[in-house]
Protein backbone atom coordinates (compact mmCIF):
# COMPACT_ATOMS: atom_id res chain seq x y z
CA MET A 1 6.60 0.56 -48.62
CA SER A 2 8.81 -2.56 -48.43
CA VAL A 3 9.02 -4.60 -45.23
CA ALA A 4 12.68 -3.60 -44.79
CA LYS A 5 11.87 0.12 -45.11
CA ASP A 6 8.90 -0.33 -42.79
CA ASP A 7 11.10 -1.97 -40.14
CA SER A 8 13.71 0.75 -40.57
CA LEU A 9 11.08 3.44 -39.98
CA ILE A 10 9.90 1.83 -36.72
CA ILE A 11 13.45 1.26 -35.47
CA ARG A 12 14.34 4.88 -36.19
CA THR A 13 11.09 6.17 -34.66
CA TRP A 14 11.70 4.33 -31.39
CA TYR A 15 15.33 5.47 -31.27
CA GLU A 16 14.29 9.10 -31.75
CA ILE A 17 11.62 8.87 -29.05
CA ALA A 18 14.14 7.39 -26.62
CA ALA A 19 16.85 9.93 -27.51
CA HIS A 20 14.46 12.85 -27.03
CA ALA A 21 13.40 11.41 -23.66
CA ILE A 22 17.02 11.19 -22.51
CA ASN A 23 17.78 14.75 -23.63
CA ALA A 24 14.61 15.99 -21.92
CA ARG A 25 15.61 14.32 -18.60
CA ALA A 26 12.43 12.23 -18.66
CA SER A 27 11.86 9.59 -16.01
CA ASP A 28 9.12 7.80 -17.98
CA ILE A 29 7.98 7.41 -21.59
CA HIS A 30 4.25 6.81 -22.17
CA ILE A 31 3.13 5.46 -25.56
CA GLU A 32 -0.64 5.13 -25.77
CA ALA A 33 -3.15 4.41 -28.52
CA GLY A 34 -6.09 6.72 -29.14
CA SER A 35 -8.94 6.36 -31.61
CA GLN A 36 -7.11 8.38 -34.28
CA ALA A 37 -3.43 8.63 -33.28
CA THR A 38 -0.67 7.36 -31.02
CA LEU A 39 0.26 9.78 -28.25
CA VAL A 40 3.78 9.93 -26.79
CA ARG A 41 4.25 11.71 -23.47
CA PHE A 42 7.30 12.16 -21.22
CA ARG A 43 7.23 12.53 -17.45
CA ILE A 44 9.67 15.33 -16.63
CA ASP A 45 10.20 16.57 -13.07
CA GLY A 46 7.12 14.66 -12.01
CA LEU A 47 4.67 15.97 -14.64
CA LEU A 48 3.59 14.37 -17.92
CA GLN A 49 4.21 16.48 -21.03
CA VAL A 50 3.06 15.75 -24.58
CA HIS A 51 6.01 15.02 -26.84
CA SER A 52 4.53 13.90 -30.17
CA HIS A 53 1.73 12.20 -32.09
CA PHE A 54 2.07 9.42 -34.67
CA PRO A 55 -0.41 7.86 -37.11
CA ILE A 56 -2.36 5.11 -35.38
CA GLU A 57 -1.20 2.73 -38.14
CA LEU A 58 2.29 2.80 -36.60
CA HIS A 59 1.14 1.98 -33.09
CA GLU A 60 1.09 -1.81 -33.20
CA ARG A 61 4.50 -2.00 -34.89
CA LEU A 62 5.99 0.48 -32.41
CA ILE A 63 4.74 -1.60 -29.47
CA ALA A 64 6.10 -4.71 -31.22
CA ARG A 65 9.53 -3.07 -31.48
CA ILE A 66 9.50 -2.36 -27.74
CA LYS A 67 8.39 -5.93 -27.00
CA VAL A 68 11.24 -7.34 -29.10
CA LEU A 69 13.81 -5.23 -27.24
CA ALA A 70 12.26 -6.18 -23.87
CA ARG A 71 12.08 -9.88 -24.83
CA LEU A 72 8.33 -10.05 -24.35
CA ASP A 73 5.76 -12.25 -26.08
CA LEU A 74 4.80 -10.63 -29.41
CA ALA A 75 1.72 -12.80 -29.77
CA GLU A 76 0.27 -11.95 -26.35
CA LYS A 77 -1.94 -8.87 -26.62
CA ARG A 78 -4.62 -9.62 -24.04
CA LEU A 79 -2.55 -9.73 -20.85
CA PRO A 80 -0.13 -7.27 -19.18
CA GLN A 81 3.58 -7.95 -19.62
CA ASP A 82 6.70 -6.62 -17.88
CA GLY A 83 10.29 -6.59 -19.04
CA ARG A 84 13.50 -4.61 -19.38
CA LEU A 85 15.41 -2.96 -22.22
CA CYS A 86 18.27 -0.52 -22.73
CA ILE A 87 18.28 2.83 -24.49
CA GLY A 88 21.03 5.32 -25.26
CA LEU A 89 22.14 8.17 -27.48
CA ASN A 90 24.62 5.81 -29.11
CA PHE A 91 22.35 3.56 -31.19
CA SER A 92 24.80 0.64 -31.25
CA LYS A 93 25.70 0.83 -27.53
CA PRO A 94 22.59 1.62 -25.44
CA ASN A 95 23.68 2.11 -21.83
CA MET A 96 20.60 3.18 -19.86
CA ASP A 97 18.52 0.48 -18.20
CA CYS A 98 14.72 0.73 -18.49
CA ARG A 99 11.75 -1.08 -17.01
CA VAL A 100 8.91 -1.83 -19.45
CA SER A 101 5.23 -2.30 -18.69
CA ILE A 102 2.73 -3.26 -21.42
CA LEU A 103 -1.01 -3.01 -20.72
CA PRO A 104 -3.96 -3.77 -23.05
CA THR A 105 -6.29 -0.74 -23.38
CA LEU A 106 -9.38 0.16 -25.41
CA TYR A 107 -7.58 1.18 -28.64
CA GLY A 108 -4.45 -0.92 -28.31
CA GLU A 109 -1.61 -1.80 -25.96
CA LYS A 110 -0.05 0.98 -23.90
CA ALA A 111 3.67 0.95 -23.09
CA VAL A 112 5.26 2.75 -20.17
CA ILE A 113 9.06 2.75 -20.12
CA ARG A 114 10.65 3.79 -16.82
CA ILE A 115 14.17 5.14 -17.36
CA LEU A 116 16.22 4.00 -14.38
CA PRO A 117 19.09 6.00 -12.86
CA SER A 118 22.25 5.21 -14.77
CA ARG A 119 24.81 6.71 -12.39
CA ILE A 120 25.52 5.05 -9.06
CA GLU A 121 26.80 8.46 -7.87
CA ASP A 122 23.19 9.68 -7.91
CA LEU A 123 22.41 7.23 -5.09
CA ASP A 124 23.96 9.32 -2.34
CA LEU A 125 22.24 9.92 1.02
CA THR A 126 23.57 13.47 1.01
CA GLU A 127 21.76 14.20 -2.27
CA ILE A 128 18.17 13.15 -1.49
CA GLY A 129 17.12 16.29 0.39
CA LEU A 130 17.70 15.32 4.02
CA LEU A 131 18.33 18.20 6.40
CA PRO A 132 21.51 17.89 8.53
CA ASP A 133 19.66 16.67 11.65
CA GLN A 134 17.66 14.19 9.55
CA PHE A 135 20.82 12.88 7.89
CA THR A 136 22.32 12.30 11.35
CA LEU A 137 19.27 10.26 12.39
CA PHE A 138 19.63 8.12 9.26
CA GLN A 139 23.34 7.59 9.93
CA GLN A 140 22.65 6.55 13.53
CA ALA A 141 20.04 4.01 12.42
CA LEU A 142 22.22 2.62 9.63
CA SER A 143 25.13 2.17 12.03
CA GLN A 144 23.17 -0.35 14.11
CA PRO A 145 23.88 -4.07 13.59
CA ASN A 146 20.20 -5.02 13.69
CA GLY A 147 16.74 -3.49 13.69
CA LEU A 148 14.13 -2.17 11.29
CA ILE A 149 14.31 1.03 9.20
CA LEU A 150 11.15 2.04 7.33
CA VAL A 151 10.57 4.63 4.59
CA SER A 152 6.96 5.63 3.95
CA GLY A 153 5.07 7.76 1.46
CA PRO A 154 2.75 7.45 -1.55
CA THR A 155 3.72 5.92 -4.89
CA GLY A 156 6.22 8.12 -6.73
CA SER A 157 7.60 9.83 -3.63
CA GLY A 158 11.16 8.52 -4.06
CA LYS A 159 11.10 5.78 -1.41
CA THR A 160 12.97 3.28 -3.60
CA ARG A 161 15.79 5.73 -4.32
CA THR A 162 16.14 6.35 -0.58
CA LEU A 163 16.43 2.61 0.06
CA TYR A 164 19.01 2.22 -2.71
CA SER A 165 20.97 5.14 -1.26
CA CYS A 166 20.94 3.37 2.11
CA LEU A 167 22.21 0.16 0.47
CA ARG A 168 24.98 2.06 -1.29
CA TYR A 169 25.94 3.68 2.04
CA LEU A 170 26.13 0.23 3.69
CA ASN A 171 27.78 -1.56 0.75
CA GLN A 172 31.15 -2.64 2.13
CA SER A 173 33.06 -5.86 1.64
CA HIS A 174 32.61 -7.07 5.23
CA ARG A 175 28.78 -7.06 4.88
CA ASN A 176 26.48 -9.48 3.11
CA LEU A 177 23.70 -7.32 1.64
CA CYS A 178 20.58 -8.86 0.11
CA SER A 179 17.48 -7.36 -1.44
CA ILE A 180 14.02 -8.60 -2.41
CA GLU A 181 12.47 -6.41 -5.10
CA ASP A 182 9.40 -6.22 -7.31
CA PRO A 183 10.96 -5.62 -9.77
CA ILE A 184 14.73 -5.04 -9.50
CA GLU A 185 15.03 -1.40 -10.55
CA ILE A 186 18.73 -0.62 -10.27
CA ARG A 187 21.48 -3.20 -10.51
CA LEU A 188 23.98 -2.64 -7.71
CA ALA A 189 27.34 -4.42 -7.65
CA GLY A 190 27.95 -6.09 -4.31
CA ILE A 191 24.22 -6.57 -3.53
CA ASN A 192 22.57 -9.99 -3.86
CA GLN A 193 19.34 -8.90 -5.55
CA VAL A 194 16.38 -11.31 -5.83
CA ALA A 195 13.32 -10.59 -7.95
CA TYR A 196 9.79 -11.24 -6.66
CA HIS A 197 8.23 -13.87 -8.92
CA PRO A 198 5.04 -15.33 -7.39
CA ARG A 199 4.13 -17.39 -10.50
CA ALA A 200 7.34 -19.33 -9.97
CA GLY A 201 6.70 -19.67 -6.23
CA LEU A 202 9.01 -16.79 -5.30
CA ASP A 203 6.83 -14.58 -3.11
CA PHE A 204 8.24 -12.29 -0.41
CA PRO A 205 7.86 -14.74 2.53
CA THR A 206 9.51 -17.57 0.55
CA ILE A 207 12.45 -15.36 -0.45
CA ILE A 208 12.88 -13.91 3.07
CA ARG A 209 13.02 -17.41 4.60
CA ALA A 210 15.61 -18.45 2.01
CA LEU A 211 17.70 -15.31 2.52
CA LEU A 212 17.80 -15.86 6.28
CA ARG A 213 19.71 -19.07 5.52
CA GLN A 214 22.21 -17.08 3.41
CA ASP A 215 23.98 -15.46 6.41
CA PRO A 216 22.82 -11.89 5.61
CA ASP A 217 23.86 -8.77 7.50
CA VAL A 218 21.44 -6.41 5.73
CA ILE A 219 18.13 -7.28 4.06
CA MET A 220 16.22 -4.81 1.92
CA ILE A 221 12.55 -5.72 1.33
CA GLY A 222 11.04 -3.63 -1.45
CA GLU A 223 7.70 -3.22 0.32
CA ILE A 224 5.91 -4.59 3.38
CA ARG A 225 2.55 -5.36 1.83
CA ASP A 226 0.91 -8.04 3.98
CA ALA A 227 0.88 -9.65 7.43
CA ALA A 228 3.22 -12.51 6.48
CA THR A 229 5.89 -10.17 5.14
CA SER A 230 5.62 -7.83 8.14
CA GLN A 231 5.98 -10.73 10.61
CA LEU A 232 9.07 -12.06 8.83
CA ALA A 233 10.61 -8.57 8.60
CA ILE A 234 10.16 -8.10 12.36
CA GLN A 235 11.59 -11.55 13.10
CA ALA A 236 14.63 -10.85 10.92
CA ALA A 237 15.18 -7.49 12.64
CA GLN A 238 14.92 -9.14 16.07
CA THR A 239 17.38 -11.92 15.26
CA GLY A 240 20.47 -9.94 14.35
CA HIS A 241 19.76 -8.45 10.92
CA LEU A 242 19.40 -4.87 9.74
CA VAL A 243 16.17 -4.73 7.71
CA LEU A 244 15.18 -1.87 5.37
CA SER A 245 11.77 -1.59 3.75
CA THR A 246 8.95 0.71 2.62
CA LEU A 247 5.36 1.09 3.72
CA HIS A 248 2.46 3.06 2.26
CA THR A 249 1.32 5.52 4.96
CA ARG A 250 0.37 9.21 4.95
CA ASN A 251 3.16 10.25 7.30
CA ALA A 252 5.87 8.83 9.56
CA ARG A 253 3.63 8.43 12.60
CA GLY A 254 1.15 6.46 10.50
CA VAL A 255 3.62 3.56 10.38
CA LEU A 256 2.75 2.31 13.90
CA PRO A 257 -1.01 1.86 13.37
CA ARG A 258 -0.34 0.37 9.92
CA LEU A 259 2.02 -2.28 11.32
CA LYS A 260 -0.39 -3.02 14.17
CA SER A 261 -3.17 -3.54 11.61
CA LEU A 262 -0.89 -6.19 10.05
CA GLY A 263 -0.69 -8.04 13.37
CA ILE A 264 2.54 -6.66 14.86
CA ASP A 265 2.30 -6.03 18.62
CA GLN A 266 3.67 -2.99 20.46
CA GLU A 267 6.37 -4.95 22.28
CA SER A 268 7.81 -6.31 19.04
CA LEU A 269 7.84 -2.84 17.49
CA GLU A 270 9.61 -1.33 20.50
CA SER A 271 12.22 -4.09 20.39
CA CYS A 272 13.43 -3.45 16.85
CA LEU A 273 12.09 -0.29 15.17
CA LEU A 274 15.10 2.04 14.72
CA SER A 275 13.87 4.75 12.38
CA VAL A 276 10.80 5.77 10.41
CA SER A 277 10.74 8.41 7.69
CA SER A 278 8.18 9.79 5.29
CA GLN A 279 8.85 11.78 2.14
CA ARG A 280 7.56 13.56 -0.96
CA LEU A 281 9.34 14.74 -4.12
CA ILE A 282 9.04 18.43 -5.00
CA ARG A 283 10.09 20.07 -8.27
CA MET A 284 13.23 22.17 -7.90
CA ALA A 285 13.46 25.70 -9.23
CA CYS A 286 15.89 25.94 -12.15
CA ARG A 287 19.10 27.63 -11.00
CA GLN A 288 19.98 28.66 -14.54
CA CYS A 289 16.66 30.49 -14.86
CA GLN A 290 17.41 32.41 -11.70
CA LYS A 291 20.68 33.57 -13.24
CA LEU A 292 18.88 34.65 -16.44
CA LYS A 293 16.25 36.80 -14.71
CA SER A 294 17.96 39.97 -15.85
CA THR A 295 17.62 38.91 -19.50
CA GLU A 296 13.94 38.05 -19.73
CA LYS A 297 13.88 37.39 -23.48
CA VAL A 298 16.44 34.57 -23.29
CA GLN A 299 14.87 31.15 -22.83
CA CYS A 300 16.76 28.93 -20.43
CA SER A 301 18.50 26.07 -22.24
CA SER A 302 18.68 23.93 -19.09
CA CYS A 303 14.96 23.55 -18.38
CA GLY A 304 13.55 24.58 -21.77
CA GLY A 305 11.65 27.45 -20.21
CA SER A 306 9.68 25.34 -17.70
CA GLY A 307 11.35 27.01 -14.71
CA TYR A 308 12.11 23.65 -13.09
CA PHE A 309 15.08 21.32 -13.15
CA GLY A 310 15.01 18.07 -11.18
CA ARG A 311 13.25 17.19 -7.94
CA ILE A 312 14.29 17.07 -4.30
CA GLY A 313 12.95 15.08 -1.37
CA VAL A 314 11.15 16.68 1.54
CA HIS A 315 11.37 14.40 4.57
CA GLU A 316 10.35 13.84 8.13
CA VAL A 317 12.54 11.42 10.07
CA LEU A 318 11.85 9.91 13.50
CA ASN A 319 14.20 7.83 15.63
CA SER A 320 12.94 5.23 18.10
CA SER A 321 12.29 7.66 20.97
CA LYS A 322 10.28 10.03 18.77
CA ILE A 323 8.31 7.17 17.23
CA PHE A 324 6.90 5.96 20.52
CA ASP A 325 6.63 9.27 22.41
CA SER A 326 4.34 11.69 20.57
CA SER A 327 5.20 14.49 23.01
CA ILE A 328 8.74 14.77 21.62
CA SER A 329 8.95 17.39 18.88
CA TYR A 330 10.58 16.76 15.51
CA THR A 331 11.02 18.46 12.15
CA ARG A 332 7.74 17.87 10.34
CA MET A 333 7.64 17.48 6.59
CA ARG A 334 6.18 20.93 5.93
CA ASP A 335 8.82 22.59 8.14
CA ALA A 336 11.56 20.68 6.32
CA GLY A 337 10.05 21.87 3.04
CA LEU A 338 10.05 25.49 4.22
CA THR A 339 13.79 25.16 4.81
CA HIS A 340 14.15 24.26 1.12
CA VAL A 341 11.86 27.20 0.21
CA HIS A 342 14.03 29.65 2.16
CA ALA A 343 17.12 28.22 0.42
CA GLY A 344 15.50 28.95 -2.96
CA LEU A 345 15.40 25.28 -3.96
CA ILE A 346 11.61 24.96 -4.25
CA THR A 347 8.64 27.32 -4.25
CA GLN A 348 6.11 27.57 -1.45
CA ALA A 349 3.29 26.97 -3.92
CA ASP A 350 4.81 23.64 -5.01
CA LEU A 351 5.41 22.68 -1.39
CA GLU A 352 1.80 23.38 -0.41
CA SER A 353 0.37 21.55 -3.42
CA GLU A 354 2.40 18.41 -2.70
CA VAL A 355 2.70 18.33 1.09
CA GLY A 356 -0.37 20.29 2.14
CA LEU A 357 -2.67 17.36 1.35
CA TRP A 358 -0.61 14.99 3.52
CA ARG A 359 -0.06 16.94 6.72
């Protein structure tokens, strides 16, 4: 096979993988090398599904194609690399932003391509699964001129989308909105987004100190991950800024002991903490399938017969009084999930498997 034909095959192969991922509503594409073949899997509605296998001889060239598109170092095969690229159904005009991660593994480099939301309309606080009373608590917190709003939960629970939805809600011309992200996932017009880049000296504390000199009204910090970041976030919230961030805790009440373990005292927390929420993403039952129940032999074209279409957030949201007074009742995550179950949006089995471990 000539070099030109070989290149054409790889270009076409990558395009077809990406196009199938878009049509399948995948959030991630995994391309991994085995001992005998390359495995391609898509994450759809939270679960990985096998899409295809390719001869292992194609693997290195397929990874190289992804590196070229993501502007990564082709010669570097021993260290992880991160980048961005665009995909789309129109080969000549790709319009969907993706985050790329390359990692060396036993049989070759693995690529994971995260397909980022392409429609700003998807970042709507009314569409993330909040119950009416929870939405009201979010609105009340976001209406404050200063203070700290925290979203907690494990990796993959939708925290970043919630923060972006908050930014979109607050994005008005009279506000200066800034974000510190690792990495920048969604590009939002009107937001001054700064990427975390520690090798260049841009760590979270350095960026926060610089942003505080930029006359910000709202600061979004992708994650509070250490004592220095937590101290600066609290200081910013106490000095006239609205600060939004995420924290890894099991539930909403776990935020207080976590912040105290990072050196934040009770008085500081009481002075600025406006709202704390925790969340999980649960697969949604396919509405089209429900309509087709009477015709059992017809496979649903929306979900491909999986029975699921999309995911919805299950939340628990506490305002300042509920955070510091454990005797005040609130809608717990499982109870919020049962509301979605009764509405036919999710199944009780899915709720228990996702939330039951985190009660």
